[in-house]
Amino acid sequence: MKMIRTILLVISMVCLVSACSIVGVKPWQRGIMARKSMQLNAQPEVTAFHNHIYFSKEGSSGGRTFDGGGCGCN
């Protein structure tokens, strides 16, 4: 029984380690991943414009990531 557990443990460890193999991105795939549509912010100009409007209305800077408003109350 102990031998079977040891064999199962070794087999499961080999499976887990093989799942973590280094695959990486091939050089010909980097162009696909670098497309503008694949970026987190595909339209930085539009986002900057929306941020400018938001911060002008809010009366603060960095208001999207912090609690509180432009009046200083939290």
C-alpha atoms as a PDB file:
ATOM      1  CA  MET A   1       0.000   0.000   0.000  1.00  0.00           C
ATOM      2  CA  LYS A   2       2.839   2.369   0.853  1.00  0.00           C
ATOM      3  CA  MET A   3       4.562   1.534  -2.432  1.00  0.00           C
ATOM      4  CA  ILE A   4       1.413   2.363  -4.428  1.00  0.00           C
ATOM      5  CA  ARG A   5       1.094   5.732  -2.666  1.00  0.00           C
ATOM      6  CA  THR A   6       4.728   6.511  -3.390  1.00  0.00           C
ATOM      7  CA  ILE A   7       4.323   5.635  -7.067  1.00  0.00           C
ATOM      8  CA  LEU A   8       1.153   7.731  -7.336  1.00  0.00           C
ATOM      9  CA  LEU A   9       2.903  10.625  -5.612  1.00  0.00           C
ATOM     10  CA  VAL A  10       5.854  10.433  -8.002  1.00  0.00           C
ATOM     11  CA  ILE A  11       3.562  10.241 -11.037  1.00  0.00           C
ATOM     12  CA  SER A  12       1.504  13.214  -9.855  1.00  0.00           C
ATOM     13  CA  MET A  13       4.654  15.254  -9.158  1.00  0.00           C
ATOM     14  CA  VAL A  14       5.982  14.478 -12.647  1.00  0.00           C
ATOM     15  CA  CYS A  15       2.669  15.587 -14.147  1.00  0.00           C
ATOM     16  CA  LEU A  16       2.679  18.809 -12.149  1.00  0.00           C
ATOM     17  CA  VAL A  17       6.267  19.647 -13.040  1.00  0.00           C
ATOM     18  CA  SER A  18       5.722  18.899 -16.722  1.00  0.00           C
ATOM     19  CA  ALA A  19       2.753  21.286 -16.764  1.00  0.00           C
ATOM     20  CA  CYS A  20       5.102  24.100 -15.762  1.00  0.00           C
ATOM     21  CA  SER A  21       7.387  23.693 -18.752  1.00  0.00           C
ATOM     22  CA  ILE A  22       8.710  26.837 -20.390  1.00  0.00           C
ATOM     23  CA  VAL A  23       6.753  27.445 -23.572  1.00  0.00           C
ATOM     24  CA  GLY A  24       7.359  31.129 -24.244  1.00  0.00           C
ATOM     25  CA  VAL A  25       6.246  33.258 -27.155  1.00  0.00           C
ATOM     26  CA  LYS A  26       7.803  32.492 -30.513  1.00  0.00           C
ATOM     27  CA  PRO A  27       9.350  35.397 -32.457  1.00  0.00           C
ATOM     28  CA  TRP A  28       6.694  35.192 -35.181  1.00  0.00           C
ATOM     29  CA  GLN A  29       3.920  35.377 -32.564  1.00  0.00           C
ATOM     30  CA  ARG A  30       5.126  38.623 -31.026  1.00  0.00           C
ATOM     31  CA  GLY A  31       3.650  40.686 -33.832  1.00  0.00           C
ATOM     32  CA  ILE A  32       0.208  39.271 -33.098  1.00  0.00           C
ATOM     33  CA  MET A  33       0.503  39.959 -29.373  1.00  0.00           C
ATOM     34  CA  ALA A  34       1.768  43.503 -29.975  1.00  0.00           C
ATOM     35  CA  ARG A  35      -1.252  44.603 -32.013  1.00  0.00           C
ATOM     36  CA  LYS A  36      -2.965  47.736 -30.801  1.00  0.00           C
ATOM     37  CA  SER A  37      -6.189  45.825 -30.179  1.00  0.00           C
ATOM     38  CA  MET A  38      -4.351  43.502 -27.778  1.00  0.00           C
ATOM     39  CA  GLN A  39      -3.179  46.341 -25.506  1.00  0.00           C
ATOM     40  CA  LEU A  40      -4.929  47.033 -22.210  1.00  0.00           C
ATOM     41  CA  ASN A  41      -5.527  50.592 -23.362  1.00  0.00           C
ATOM     42  CA  ALA A  42      -6.088  50.422 -27.116  1.00  0.00           C
ATOM     43  CA  GLN A  43      -6.992  54.126 -27.399  1.00  0.00           C
ATOM     44  CA  PRO A  44      -4.748  56.139 -25.047  1.00  0.00           C
ATOM     45  CA  GLU A  45      -5.801  59.477 -26.570  1.00  0.00           C
ATOM     46  CA  VAL A  46      -9.479  58.842 -25.850  1.00  0.00           C
ATOM     47  CA  THR A  47      -8.686  57.648 -22.327  1.00  0.00           C
ATOM     48  CA  ALA A  48      -6.590  60.758 -21.664  1.00  0.00           C
ATOM     49  CA  PHE A  49      -9.488  62.930 -22.874  1.00  0.00           C
ATOM     50  CA  HIS A  50     -11.975  61.124 -20.627  1.00  0.00           C
ATOM     51  CA  ASN A  51      -9.579  61.420 -17.680  1.00  0.00           C
ATOM     52  CA  HIS A  52      -9.228  65.161 -18.294  1.00  0.00           C
ATOM     53  CA  ILE A  53     -13.011  65.608 -18.262  1.00  0.00           C
ATOM     54  CA  TYR A  54     -13.395  63.426 -15.166  1.00  0.00           C
ATOM     55  CA  PHE A  55     -10.689  65.218 -13.200  1.00  0.00           C
ATOM     56  CA  SER A  56     -12.043  68.632 -14.251  1.00  0.00           C
ATOM     57  CA  LYS A  57     -15.490  67.707 -12.941  1.00  0.00           C
ATOM     58  CA  GLU A  58     -14.101  66.028  -9.836  1.00  0.00           C
ATOM     59  CA  GLY A  59     -11.748  68.897  -9.009  1.00  0.00           C
ATOM     60  CA  SER A  60      -8.934  66.554  -8.105  1.00  0.00           C
ATOM     61  CA  SER A  61      -6.054  64.675  -9.604  1.00  0.00           C
ATOM     62  CA  GLY A  62      -5.914  60.888  -9.345  1.00  0.00           C
ATOM     63  CA  GLY A  63      -9.570  60.683  -8.358  1.00  0.00           C
ATOM     64  CA  ARG A  64     -10.203  57.388 -10.109  1.00  0.00           C
ATOM     65  CA  THR A  65      -7.949  55.309  -7.862  1.00  0.00           C
ATOM     66  CA  PHE A  66      -8.424  56.974  -4.472  1.00  0.00           C
ATOM     67  CA  ASP A  67     -11.396  57.347  -2.146  1.00  0.00           C
ATOM     68  CA  GLY A  68     -12.887  60.743  -1.539  1.00  0.00           C
ATOM     69  CA  GLY A  69     -13.667  63.694  -3.729  1.00  0.00           C
ATOM     70  CA  GLY A  70     -12.141  66.978  -4.785  1.00  0.00           C
ATOM     71  CA  CYS A  71     -13.451  68.748  -1.689  1.00  0.00           C
ATOM     72  CA  GLY A  72     -10.977  66.923   0.576  1.00  0.00           C
ATOM     73  CA  CYS A  73     -13.579  64.897   2.447  1.00  0.00           C
ATOM     74  CA  ASN A  74     -12.986  61.149   2.634  1.00  0.00           C
END
